[in-house]
Every structure is written in structure tokens, then in C-alpha cells.
Protein backbone atom coordinates (compact mmCIF):
# COMPACT_ATOMS: atom_id res chain seq x y z
CA MET A 1 9.43 22.57 -28.62
CA ALA A 2 12.41 22.71 -30.60
CA SER A 3 13.72 19.96 -32.22
CA ALA A 4 16.27 18.19 -29.38
CA ASP A 5 19.22 15.30 -29.74
CA ILE A 6 18.22 12.54 -27.68
CA LEU A 7 20.40 9.05 -27.86
CA LEU A 8 18.66 5.89 -27.09
CA VAL A 9 20.60 2.65 -25.64
CA ASP A 10 18.45 -0.34 -25.50
CA ASP A 11 19.49 -3.90 -26.70
CA ASP A 12 16.08 -4.93 -27.28
CA ASP A 13 15.81 -3.94 -31.21
CA ALA A 14 11.67 -3.94 -31.11
CA VAL A 15 12.00 -1.34 -28.39
CA ARG A 16 14.58 0.72 -30.36
CA LEU A 17 12.46 0.34 -33.00
CA VAL A 18 9.59 1.75 -31.67
CA VAL A 19 10.85 4.04 -29.21
CA ALA A 20 13.00 5.71 -31.70
CA GLN A 21 10.00 6.20 -34.40
CA ALA A 22 8.04 7.68 -31.28
CA LEU A 23 10.71 10.27 -30.43
CA ARG A 24 10.82 11.71 -33.70
CA ARG A 25 7.56 11.79 -34.36
CA ALA A 26 7.72 14.01 -31.40
CA GLY A 27 10.07 16.46 -33.33
CA HIS A 28 12.95 14.50 -31.61
CA GLN A 29 16.86 13.19 -33.10
CA VAL A 30 17.24 10.48 -32.32
CA ARG A 31 21.21 8.68 -31.63
CA THR A 32 20.78 4.77 -30.27
CA ALA A 33 23.00 2.67 -29.06
CA THR A 34 22.81 -0.71 -27.74
CA CYS A 35 25.62 -1.35 -24.94
CA LEU A 36 26.89 0.90 -22.26
CA ALA A 37 30.22 0.76 -24.48
CA ASP A 38 28.01 2.04 -27.24
CA LEU A 39 26.91 4.75 -25.18
CA ASP A 40 30.47 6.60 -24.17
CA ARG A 41 31.13 6.03 -27.50
CA GLU A 42 27.97 8.38 -28.22
CA LEU A 43 28.85 10.87 -25.45
CA ARG A 44 32.68 11.43 -26.69
CA THR A 45 31.05 11.68 -29.74
CA LYS A 46 28.06 15.10 -29.20
CA LEU A 47 26.27 15.50 -25.99
CA PRO A 48 22.84 14.55 -26.16
CA ASP A 49 20.29 17.13 -24.88
CA ALA A 50 18.66 14.31 -22.90
CA LEU A 51 19.04 10.32 -22.68
CA VAL A 52 16.64 7.47 -22.06
CA THR A 53 18.82 4.18 -20.91
CA ASP A 54 17.24 0.58 -20.70
CA VAL A 55 18.95 -1.03 -17.20
CA VAL A 56 20.18 -3.77 -18.22
CA LEU A 57 22.44 -4.18 -20.65
CA PRO A 58 24.22 -6.47 -22.43
CA ASP A 59 27.64 -5.70 -19.89
CA GLY A 60 26.50 -3.78 -17.65
CA ASP A 61 23.66 -2.10 -15.06
CA GLY A 62 22.17 0.96 -16.89
CA ILE A 63 21.18 2.81 -13.45
CA ASP A 64 25.28 2.24 -12.41
CA HIS A 65 25.85 4.05 -15.75
CA ALA A 66 23.61 7.14 -15.41
CA THR A 67 24.91 7.89 -11.54
CA ARG A 68 29.25 8.19 -13.33
CA ILE A 69 26.93 10.05 -16.04
CA VAL A 70 25.22 12.92 -13.80
CA ALA A 71 28.21 13.31 -11.55
CA GLN A 72 29.63 14.07 -14.56
CA HIS A 73 27.49 15.53 -16.06
CA ALA A 74 24.34 17.18 -13.89
CA ASP A 75 22.72 18.84 -16.31
CA LEU A 76 21.75 15.89 -18.70
CA PRO A 77 18.28 14.98 -18.09
CA ILE A 78 17.83 11.33 -17.69
CA VAL A 79 14.95 8.94 -18.11
CA VAL A 80 15.47 5.16 -17.26
CA LEU A 81 13.86 2.74 -18.99
CA SER A 82 13.09 -1.09 -17.01
CA ALA A 83 11.42 -4.06 -17.38
CA ARG A 84 12.78 -4.90 -13.41
CA ASN A 85 9.65 -3.04 -13.00
CA THR A 86 9.45 -3.05 -8.73
CA LEU A 87 9.70 -0.41 -6.34
CA THR A 88 14.46 -1.46 -5.79
CA THR A 89 13.85 -0.26 -8.91
CA ALA A 90 11.89 2.90 -9.18
CA VAL A 91 14.49 4.17 -6.26
CA ARG A 92 17.33 3.02 -7.63
CA ALA A 93 16.86 5.07 -10.60
CA ASN A 94 15.37 8.62 -8.51
CA GLU A 95 19.00 7.84 -6.30
CA ALA A 96 20.79 7.76 -9.32
CA GLY A 97 19.24 10.99 -10.69
CA ALA A 98 17.33 10.15 -13.56
CA TYR A 99 14.51 12.95 -14.11
CA ASP A 100 12.17 9.89 -14.36
CA TYR A 101 11.98 5.99 -14.23
CA LEU A 102 8.80 4.35 -16.61
CA PRO A 103 8.53 0.38 -15.90
CA LYS A 104 7.81 -1.66 -19.52
CA PRO A 105 5.56 -1.71 -20.94
CA PHE A 106 5.01 1.66 -21.43
CA ASP A 107 2.86 3.89 -22.87
CA LEU A 108 4.63 5.85 -26.37
CA ASP A 109 2.14 8.98 -25.52
CA THR A 110 3.67 8.70 -21.70
CA LEU A 111 7.66 8.62 -22.67
CA THR A 112 7.61 11.35 -25.15
CA ARG A 113 5.05 13.47 -23.03
CA THR A 114 8.17 12.19 -19.82
CA VAL A 115 10.54 13.29 -22.86
CA ALA A 116 9.69 16.79 -22.87
CA ALA A 117 9.88 17.23 -19.58
CA ALA A 118 13.22 16.53 -19.21
CA LEU A 119 14.17 18.80 -21.61
CA ALA A 120 12.01 21.24 -19.92
CA ARG A 121 13.52 21.06 -16.32
CA ARG A 122 17.16 20.22 -17.70
CA GLY A 123 19.89 21.79 -16.18
CA ARG A 124 17.68 21.29 -12.75
CA ASN A 125 18.47 18.06 -11.50
CA ALA A 126 19.86 16.16 -8.24
CA VAL A 127 21.09 13.61 -7.42
CA ALA A 128 20.14 12.83 -4.13
CA SER A 129 21.96 10.53 -1.44
CA GLY A 130 21.70 7.11 0.33
CA ASP A 131 22.84 3.33 -0.03
CA ASP A 132 21.52 1.05 -2.34
CA ALA A 133 17.82 -0.33 -1.95
CA ASP A 134 17.40 -2.67 -0.10
CA ALA A 135 15.78 -5.63 -1.91
CA SER A 136 14.44 -7.38 0.76
CA LEU A 137 11.49 -4.91 0.65
CA PRO A 138 8.07 -6.30 1.82
CA LEU A 139 6.04 -4.38 -1.11
CA ILE A 140 5.40 -6.79 -4.03
CA GLY A 141 3.94 -6.34 -7.59
CA ARG A 142 4.87 -5.84 -10.28
CA SER A 143 1.29 -4.20 -11.77
CA PRO A 144 0.55 -0.96 -13.14
CA ALA A 145 -1.03 0.15 -10.16
CA MET A 146 1.55 -0.46 -7.98
CA GLN A 147 4.18 0.94 -10.58
CA GLU A 148 2.20 4.79 -9.90
CA VAL A 149 3.03 4.10 -6.37
CA TYR A 150 6.63 2.97 -6.37
CA ARG A 151 7.11 6.33 -8.79
CA VAL A 152 6.02 8.40 -5.83
CA ILE A 153 8.04 6.83 -3.09
CA ALA A 154 11.01 6.80 -5.38
CA ARG A 155 10.38 10.89 -5.20
CA VAL A 156 9.67 11.49 -1.86
CA VAL A 157 12.41 9.07 0.30
CA SER A 158 15.18 12.19 -0.85
CA ASN A 159 12.64 15.05 1.32
CA ASP A 160 10.72 15.45 4.26
CA LEU A 161 7.13 16.60 2.73
CA THR A 162 4.12 14.66 4.72
CA VAL A 163 2.80 12.20 3.14
CA LEU A 164 -1.38 10.92 3.40
CA VAL A 165 -1.52 7.33 1.90
CA SER A 166 -5.25 6.12 1.32
CA GLY A 167 -7.18 2.64 0.09
CA GLU A 168 -8.88 0.09 1.77
CA SER A 169 -8.37 -1.88 4.66
CA GLY A 170 -5.65 -4.51 4.19
CA THR A 171 -3.97 -3.20 1.86
CA GLY A 172 -0.59 -2.37 2.99
CA LYS A 173 -0.26 1.10 4.01
CA GLU A 174 1.45 0.94 6.57
CA LEU A 175 3.96 -1.25 4.44
CA VAL A 176 3.76 1.78 2.41
CA ALA A 177 5.46 3.74 5.43
CA ARG A 178 7.80 2.22 6.54
CA ALA A 179 9.24 1.49 3.56
CA VAL A 180 9.04 5.86 2.69
CA HIS A 181 10.99 5.88 5.86
CA ASP A 182 13.15 2.92 6.14
CA LEU A 183 14.58 4.40 2.16
CA GLY A 184 14.92 7.79 3.21
CA ALA A 185 17.53 9.74 5.26
CA ARG A 186 15.61 9.23 8.47
CA ARG A 187 16.10 5.01 8.27
CA HIS A 188 18.25 5.17 10.73
CA ALA A 189 16.40 7.23 13.50
CA PRO A 190 12.55 4.97 14.81
CA PHE A 191 9.74 4.99 13.38
CA VAL A 192 6.84 4.85 15.62
CA ALA A 193 2.69 3.61 14.40
CA ILE A 194 -0.04 4.36 16.38
CA ASN A 195 -3.45 3.68 15.45
CA MET A 196 -5.75 6.21 16.05
CA ALA A 197 -9.36 4.00 15.91
CA ALA A 198 -7.40 1.75 18.80
CA ILE A 199 -7.02 4.30 21.32
CA PRO A 200 -9.72 5.74 23.34
CA ARG A 201 -10.33 9.39 23.02
CA GLU A 202 -9.56 10.40 26.09
CA LEU A 203 -6.29 9.21 25.98
CA ILE A 204 -4.80 10.04 22.46
CA GLU A 205 -3.73 13.41 23.69
CA ALA A 206 -1.41 11.64 26.16
CA GLU A 207 -0.41 9.35 23.04
CA LEU A 208 0.20 11.14 20.31
CA PHE A 209 2.31 14.47 23.32
CA GLY A 210 3.20 12.28 26.54
CA HIS A 211 2.18 13.60 30.03
CA GLU A 212 3.31 14.83 32.76
CA ARG A 213 3.47 13.43 36.66
CA GLY A 214 -0.16 13.64 37.92
CA ALA A 215 -1.71 15.71 35.24
CA PHE A 216 -4.58 13.57 35.36
CA THR A 217 -5.48 10.54 37.41
CA GLY A 218 -3.47 7.58 36.93
CA ALA A 219 -0.04 9.56 35.92
CA ALA A 220 2.31 8.39 38.29
CA GLN A 221 5.22 9.47 36.34
CA ARG A 222 5.91 11.76 33.14
CA SER A 223 5.66 9.21 30.29
CA ALA A 224 6.96 10.31 26.64
CA GLY A 225 4.33 10.26 24.02
CA ARG A 226 4.59 8.76 20.28
CA PHE A 227 5.96 12.08 18.57
CA GLU A 228 9.21 11.82 21.30
CA GLN A 229 9.59 9.01 20.83
CA ALA A 230 10.00 9.09 17.10
CA ASN A 231 12.05 11.89 17.59
CA GLY A 232 14.94 11.82 14.69
CA GLY A 233 12.63 9.57 12.11
CA THR A 234 8.98 8.96 11.04
CA LEU A 235 5.96 8.84 12.91
CA PHE A 236 3.08 6.93 11.79
CA LEU A 237 -0.56 7.50 11.85
CA ASP A 238 -2.31 4.91 10.58
CA GLU A 239 -6.75 5.18 10.83
CA ILE A 240 -6.10 8.75 10.93
CA GLY A 241 -9.73 9.63 9.96
CA ASP A 242 -10.87 8.18 12.86
CA MET A 243 -9.14 10.74 15.51
CA PRO A 244 -11.42 12.77 17.45
CA ARG A 245 -12.11 16.41 15.68
CA GLU A 246 -10.49 18.15 19.46
CA ALA A 247 -7.11 16.05 18.78
CA GLN A 248 -7.55 17.27 15.67
CA THR A 249 -6.92 20.54 16.76
CA ARG A 250 -4.14 19.34 18.45
CA LEU A 251 -2.31 18.12 15.91
CA LEU A 252 -2.68 20.52 13.53
CA ARG A 253 -1.38 23.25 16.17
CA VAL A 254 2.17 21.10 15.59
CA LEU A 255 2.09 20.30 12.23
CA GLN A 256 1.84 24.35 11.64
CA SER A 257 4.07 25.32 14.60
CA GLY A 258 6.26 22.23 13.94
CA GLU A 259 6.27 22.34 18.31
CA PHE A 260 4.12 20.62 20.67
CA THR A 261 3.50 20.28 25.07
CA THR A 262 3.28 17.45 27.02
CA VAL A 263 -0.56 17.29 28.84
CA GLY A 264 0.24 19.00 31.90
CA GLY A 265 3.10 20.52 30.78
CA SER A 266 4.51 24.30 29.53
CA ARG A 267 7.89 23.62 27.88
CA ALA A 268 7.91 23.58 23.98
CA ILE A 269 8.94 19.97 22.42
CA ARG A 270 10.59 20.39 18.54
CA ALA A 271 8.57 18.13 16.70
CA ASP A 272 11.67 16.67 14.23
CA VAL A 273 9.05 13.94 12.93
CA ARG A 274 8.23 12.75 9.21
CA ILE A 275 4.65 12.40 9.68
CA VAL A 276 3.74 9.53 7.01
CA ALA A 277 -0.64 9.21 7.78
CA ALA A 278 -3.21 6.36 6.11
CA THR A 279 -6.78 6.40 6.03
CA ASN A 280 -9.27 3.78 4.41
CA ARG A 281 -12.51 6.22 5.13
CA ASP A 282 -13.45 9.02 2.65
CA LEU A 283 -11.61 11.65 4.67
CA HIS A 284 -13.48 14.56 1.86
CA GLY A 285 -16.57 13.02 3.11
CA ALA A 286 -15.76 13.18 6.83
CA ILE A 287 -14.57 17.09 5.84
CA ALA A 288 -18.16 18.08 4.51
CA ASP A 289 -20.04 15.99 7.53
CA GLY A 290 -17.49 17.75 9.93
CA GLN A 291 -16.39 14.58 10.93
CA PHE A 292 -12.77 16.18 10.25
CA ARG A 293 -11.14 19.22 9.63
CA GLU A 294 -10.56 20.62 5.85
CA ASP A 295 -7.40 22.67 7.42
CA LEU A 296 -5.65 19.01 8.88
CA PHE A 297 -6.47 17.87 5.47
CA TYR A 298 -4.52 19.74 3.25
CA ARG A 299 -1.75 19.80 5.82
CA LEU A 300 -1.57 16.74 5.35
CA ASN A 301 -2.18 15.85 1.81
CA VAL A 302 0.55 17.77 0.81
CA VAL A 303 1.33 14.15 -1.50
CA PRO A 304 -1.33 12.30 -1.58
CA MET A 305 -0.86 8.13 -2.52
CA ALA A 306 -3.67 5.66 -3.54
CA LEU A 307 -3.12 2.26 -2.73
CA PRO A 308 -4.90 -0.35 -5.31
CA ALA A 309 -7.20 -3.14 -3.69
CA LEU A 310 -6.35 -6.07 -4.96
CA ARG A 311 -9.15 -7.01 -6.84
CA GLU A 312 -7.21 -3.66 -9.02
CA ARG A 313 -4.02 -5.71 -9.40
CA ARG A 314 -4.35 -9.44 -9.86
CA ASP A 315 -1.58 -9.81 -12.14
CA ASP A 316 0.20 -9.76 -8.91
CA VAL A 317 -1.77 -11.99 -7.26
CA ALA A 318 0.12 -14.90 -7.52
CA GLU A 319 3.41 -13.82 -6.93
CA LEU A 320 2.20 -12.08 -3.67
CA ALA A 321 0.96 -16.02 -3.04
CA ARG A 322 4.15 -17.38 -3.49
CA HIS A 323 5.86 -14.78 -1.31
CA PHE A 324 3.63 -15.21 1.47
CA LEU A 325 4.08 -19.35 1.36
CA ASP A 326 8.16 -18.70 0.85
CA ARG A 327 7.53 -16.14 4.51
CA ALA A 328 5.34 -19.62 6.05
CA ALA A 329 7.56 -22.02 5.57
CA GLU A 330 10.14 -19.51 7.34
CA ALA A 331 8.36 -19.10 10.47
CA GLY A 332 8.07 -22.99 10.68
CA LEU A 333 5.17 -24.17 8.93
CA PRO A 334 5.75 -26.94 5.29
CA ARG A 335 6.77 -25.64 2.71
CA LYS A 336 3.91 -25.57 -0.54
CA THR A 337 3.71 -25.06 -3.91
CA LEU A 338 0.92 -23.48 -5.61
CA ASP A 339 0.03 -25.54 -9.36
CA ALA A 340 -1.79 -23.44 -12.14
CA GLY A 341 -5.48 -24.39 -10.76
CA ALA A 342 -4.95 -22.64 -7.79
CA VAL A 343 -3.12 -19.79 -9.09
CA ALA A 344 -6.51 -19.32 -11.63
CA VAL A 345 -8.79 -19.59 -8.77
CA LEU A 346 -6.65 -16.85 -6.59
CA GLU A 347 -6.70 -14.43 -9.14
CA ALA A 348 -10.44 -14.61 -9.95
CA TYR A 349 -11.31 -13.56 -5.95
CA ASP A 350 -12.28 -10.73 -5.92
CA TRP A 351 -10.78 -9.74 -1.49
CA PRO A 352 -12.20 -7.74 0.00
CA GLY A 353 -10.06 -8.04 2.66
CA ASN A 354 -6.98 -7.48 0.18
CA VAL A 355 -3.81 -8.49 0.67
CA ARG A 356 -3.68 -9.01 4.04
CA GLU A 357 -6.93 -11.86 3.37
CA LEU A 358 -4.58 -13.47 0.80
CA GLU A 359 -1.45 -13.53 3.64
CA ASN A 360 -4.13 -15.32 5.82
CA LEU A 361 -5.16 -17.66 3.24
CA MET A 362 -1.83 -18.77 2.32
CA ARG A 363 -0.63 -19.16 5.66
CA ARG A 364 -3.65 -21.08 6.39
CA LEU A 365 -2.81 -23.45 3.56
CA ALA A 366 0.29 -24.27 4.08
CA ALA A 367 -0.48 -25.45 7.95
CA LEU A 368 -3.94 -27.35 6.97
CA SER A 369 -3.62 -28.22 3.33
CA ARG A 370 -2.01 -32.30 3.20
CA ASP A 371 -0.21 -32.03 -0.15
CA ASP A 372 3.58 -30.14 -0.75
CA GLN A 373 0.91 -28.13 -3.95
CA ILE A 374 -1.96 -26.54 -2.90
CA THR A 375 -4.74 -27.27 -5.60
CA ALA A 376 -7.61 -25.25 -6.91
CA ALA A 377 -9.94 -27.47 -4.49
CA ASP A 378 -7.43 -26.89 -1.94
CA VAL A 379 -8.04 -22.81 -2.38
CA GLY A 380 -11.70 -22.92 -3.16
CA GLY A 381 -12.10 -25.08 0.00
CA ALA A 382 -10.58 -22.33 2.28
CA LEU A 383 -12.27 -19.29 0.31
CA ARG A 384 -15.71 -21.12 0.80
CA GLY A 385 -14.82 -21.96 4.59
CA ALA A 386 -14.62 -17.82 4.92
CA ALA A 387 -17.19 -17.17 2.82
CA PRO A 388 -20.76 -16.17 3.89
CA ALA A 389 -22.02 -20.22 4.92
CA LEU A 390 -25.39 -19.60 2.41
CA PRO A 391 -26.22 -22.53 0.18
CA MET A 392 -25.87 -20.60 -3.90
CA ALA A 393 -23.61 -18.58 -5.05
CA MET A 394 -25.10 -15.23 -4.06
CA ALA A 395 -24.01 -13.88 -7.06
CA THR A 396 -27.33 -15.07 -8.39
CA GLY A 397 -29.29 -13.08 -6.08
CA LEU A 398 -30.69 -12.57 -2.12
CA ASP A 399 -33.75 -13.96 -2.88
CA GLU A 400 -32.79 -16.41 -4.47
CA ALA A 401 -30.55 -17.69 -1.99
CA VAL A 402 -33.06 -17.84 0.29
CA TYR A 403 -35.36 -19.87 -2.03
CA ALA A 404 -32.51 -21.74 -1.66
CA LEU A 405 -31.78 -22.17 1.49
CA ILE A 406 -35.75 -23.07 2.34
CA GLU A 407 -34.81 -26.02 -0.28
CA HIS A 408 -31.82 -26.82 1.48
CA LEU A 409 -33.69 -26.93 5.09
CA ALA A 410 -36.15 -28.80 3.81
CA ARG A 411 -34.24 -31.88 2.63
CA THR A 412 -31.79 -31.84 4.89
CA GLU A 413 -33.43 -30.71 8.25
CA PRO A 414 -37.76 -30.62 7.79
CA ARG A 415 -38.60 -30.76 10.67
CA THR A 416 -37.18 -26.60 10.64
CA LEU A 417 -39.83 -25.56 8.52
CA ASP A 418 -42.93 -26.27 11.33
CA ASP A 419 -41.09 -25.82 14.76
CA GLY A 420 -40.96 -22.75 14.66
CA THR A 421 -36.97 -21.51 14.02
CA LEU A 422 -36.59 -20.39 10.40
CA HIS A 423 -37.34 -16.75 11.61
CA ALA A 424 -34.57 -16.57 13.22
CA ARG A 425 -32.57 -18.93 10.90
CA LEU A 426 -32.81 -16.97 8.27
CA VAL A 427 -31.71 -13.49 10.03
CA ALA A 428 -28.90 -15.72 11.77
CA ALA A 429 -28.13 -16.78 7.78
CA VAL A 430 -28.12 -13.10 7.13
CA GLU A 431 -26.36 -11.80 9.45
CA ARG A 432 -23.52 -13.71 10.92
CA PRO A 433 -21.76 -13.21 7.04
CA MET A 434 -23.18 -9.51 7.13
CA ILE A 435 -21.01 -8.95 10.51
CA GLU A 436 -18.47 -11.29 9.49
CA ALA A 437 -18.08 -9.05 6.19
CA ILE A 438 -18.01 -5.79 7.46
CA LEU A 439 -15.18 -6.88 10.18
CA ARG A 440 -13.04 -7.95 7.58
CA ARG A 441 -13.84 -5.00 5.49
CA HIS A 442 -13.11 -2.75 8.54
CA GLY A 443 -9.65 -5.29 9.92
CA GLY A 444 -10.85 -6.28 12.62
CA ASN A 445 -12.24 -2.84 13.96
CA GLN A 446 -15.44 -3.48 16.44
CA LEU A 447 -15.83 0.28 16.89
CA ARG A 448 -16.12 1.26 13.11
CA ALA A 449 -17.78 -1.98 12.01
CA ALA A 450 -20.82 -1.30 14.42
CA ARG A 451 -20.76 1.81 12.69
CA ALA A 452 -21.40 0.69 9.53
CA ILE A 453 -24.01 -1.97 10.61
CA GLY A 454 -25.77 0.64 12.21
CA LEU A 455 -25.92 -0.78 16.01
CA ASN A 456 -24.18 0.13 18.30
CA ARG A 457 -20.67 -1.48 19.98
CA ASN A 458 -22.24 -2.94 22.63
CA THR A 459 -24.73 -4.68 20.37
CA LEU A 460 -22.23 -5.60 18.25
CA ARG A 461 -20.43 -7.52 21.22
CA LYS A 462 -23.54 -9.16 22.09
CA ARG A 463 -24.42 -10.15 18.72
CA LEU A 464 -20.75 -11.41 18.51
CA ASP A 465 -21.07 -13.46 21.59
CA VAL A 466 -25.01 -14.64 20.23
CA LEU A 467 -23.31 -16.01 17.41
CA GLY A 468 -20.22 -17.58 18.08
CA ILE A 469 -18.40 -14.63 16.12
CA ASP A 470 -14.19 -14.41 17.31
CA PRO A 471 -13.56 -11.68 15.63
CA ASP A 472 -9.48 -11.47 17.23
CA ALA A 473 -9.87 -15.85 15.56
CA SER A 474 -10.62 -14.33 12.10
CA PRO A 475 -8.95 -15.33 9.57
CA THR A 476 -9.72 -12.69 7.17
CA THR A 477 -9.01 -9.65 10.32
CA ALA A 478 -5.52 -7.90 10.89
CA ALA A 479 -2.24 -10.53 11.72
């Protein structure tokens, strides 16, 4: 690529030095500035081929200034750098017309590739319109995994492309869908969510598309479906992987034609909605098994977005935990803080229930811990209370845990080794945590949990009753 003139603006001497060196090694000429006044002076001297700018500068905000620059020089590609690596920053950079946004710290090779791509696309910048992003958005985290999520969201809010969000239960898929809606042009229209796994298969079409009076037994009057309720806004199809195949066919026709009819109706209704779908299932595996239509998958997977599990973004755990404690205080619970030991325990835990599990744990600690400051012992006790109740850590293996349980019974209840109840006790000791763990993994959905365990739903319900497990009251299921 031919040498380009790059203007770099950053008041951090170290950042300015290493970025300038990387761009020069890539063959570019680099001019530098440390503030917005210097930037304006350089622009008056000569318009660069590309601008790389920080956000927080001594005399103002780099993104606000970039908005004015793009208005005057629409073909100037701008790359925004920022240590304020939040969703709001990513969206503001996109709305300002920046070519891309890179959160600090960033990889220098990524920067040089981004600048090269911006130069190749020069002249095709478009300024997105919209109000300033809301700083109270519920997505929290500054980890590299979340930065990629923010960048994808920032790129889709200005269009109506269909988004497919994937991730484990409890990772915040609906929060992402709401962010896409709240930051886009449809923000003033309805956001309608429907959980495909929670609706009986025979009622899914009526729920989605509505029904006419007399369309089926019990249809006493016309009812608008979710597509009609979301008119002009966003329809969030949660757990799309659990949608029955026959309903998938109808949904595919609507996505292809842009129109639908109510159950029992004949008039075509225009489907003016943006679709955001979400799943915690492996849809490629479901396609291979014949459970999910491949053509529907490609209709939904226009913009794929993978949410990281909480164990993959441990750097965000402390910030999330404090946020949930603040929310608990706003809801009337005692205000609590975390000491360093508590944070260390939280960050070391694997969070099988993801962000939802962390939120519920913080609410429980806010309500039950005695002191104003939550300690490592408080967190450890709460986590042990939610964990499988074997007397020895499972990390050493299931066989060692069984041996430990027998030794524990021999010391505390020796009669249980001779009264014929040992087998039932051992099975129950494993069955309870197994069922609780699978329910937690599937967000409390009994149908999917039964399928994962290998039981039918009625059998699972009986075991829940026998073992005294209440999935609705479990602190690890959906709030």
C-alpha cells in the first residue's frame, strides 16, 4: 500500500510513541498532536489521509470533535482510541461517523490493519444519526471479550439487519437485544420479547401471528400476535433453538415475504419489525440432527453475536458485583460493599449460571450478610450453600467424594451404614446437585433440563417433588 499521511492525536506520550512507530513501520507518514487545538492547527495546515484520535484530551472530547470534523470532511476516515471502553463509547464513536473504535489497550497489528482498511474505504464514511447514547445502559464490562460485543452492537444500531445472539443461559442475551433496540432508530417503538421454550408448541403460531375469533376452541375474540404488537419496533425471539420445526417453516415464510396472516385469517399484514433472535443451543448441531431448518438459520444469522460466559470475562466480575449491590440498594435492600478477599473469591469462581447467578448471589448477600462489608467468608458460605452438598470438593474426583461421604456418615451417623439406606443416600447426594446444576444451566426450564438429563418431563417433576427442589425458588434460576 502507498504511504499515507496519518494524523495521530493522543496526550499520552507513551501511547503516542508506540502507535506512531507502528504506523511508520507500516509505511505511513505520521504527524502527532496532543490536544484538540493542535489537531485543528494540523488540519488547517494539511488534511491527512486518516485521523487516529483519543477520546479524553486535555481541552475536550475527541468524539464530539470528530463529529464536527466529519461534517466538514465527510471522506476523512477516523479511528477512535479510548480507555473508556464501554458500550456507550463504542456507540458514540459509530454515531460520530468514525470508521472504527479500538479500546485501550489494543494490539498494534490490529491498529495498523484497521488504519489500512480505513484508508481503503476512504470516501465511504456515513454519519449515523441518533441521540446521545444513554450512559445507564445495562451492559457492563470492560474486558476484551465484551469490547467485541460492544463493537458489533455499535455497527448494527444504525440499520435493521437481523441479529442472532448466542451464549450460555444467564449471559445477558435479552440485555443485548434491548441495547440494539434502545440505541437504534426504532427506540421509540415497542420492544416485544417472546420465549419460544416457554410456549406450548400448539400455541406458538397464535402467539407470534395472532388469531381471529373462532380460529380454534377458546378463541372468543381476535387477538394480536407478537409481530403485530411489535409493529415499528423490535421483536426478540428468545430460545429460538427450541422452536418447533413446523412453526419454523411459518416464521421463515414471514422473514422471506415480510408479511404474515393471523391464525384463521386471510388478510396479509405487513411485518414492520426488526428481528433479534437468541439461543443457548448449538444450532449447527440442531441442523445436523434435523431439529432446526438450515434456511431459517441463515435468515436469522445475518449478524452473529456471541456473548462470552462470565468465566471468560473474570475481569468484569468485580464491576458487575458492585453494580448488582447498587441495584439491590436501590430496590430497598441494605447497601453493602465488597472487601478485597470477597472480590478474589468471586473472581476465582466459575459461575456456571453466569451473570444471572452473580446477580442473584449479590441480592442474597445484600439481604442476609450481617455487616456493611461483605467478606470472603460471606461469599464462600453463600457459594457453598448453592453448590452440590457433598462433604468434599468435587475437584478431586467423584470416587474420592463418595469415599469422603461414607467416612463422614461413619463419623456422624454410623447407623446409616447398616440400616439399608446407604444406596438411597448416595444416589440422592448425586441426584440433587445434578438436577440443580442442569436446571441452573438451562435457566430453570424444566423441559430442556429433562431432555439434557435423559428423563421425560413428568419424571423430572416427580423427582423435584421427592427431593424437595423448587426451581422457581432456586437462587440460581432466572430472577
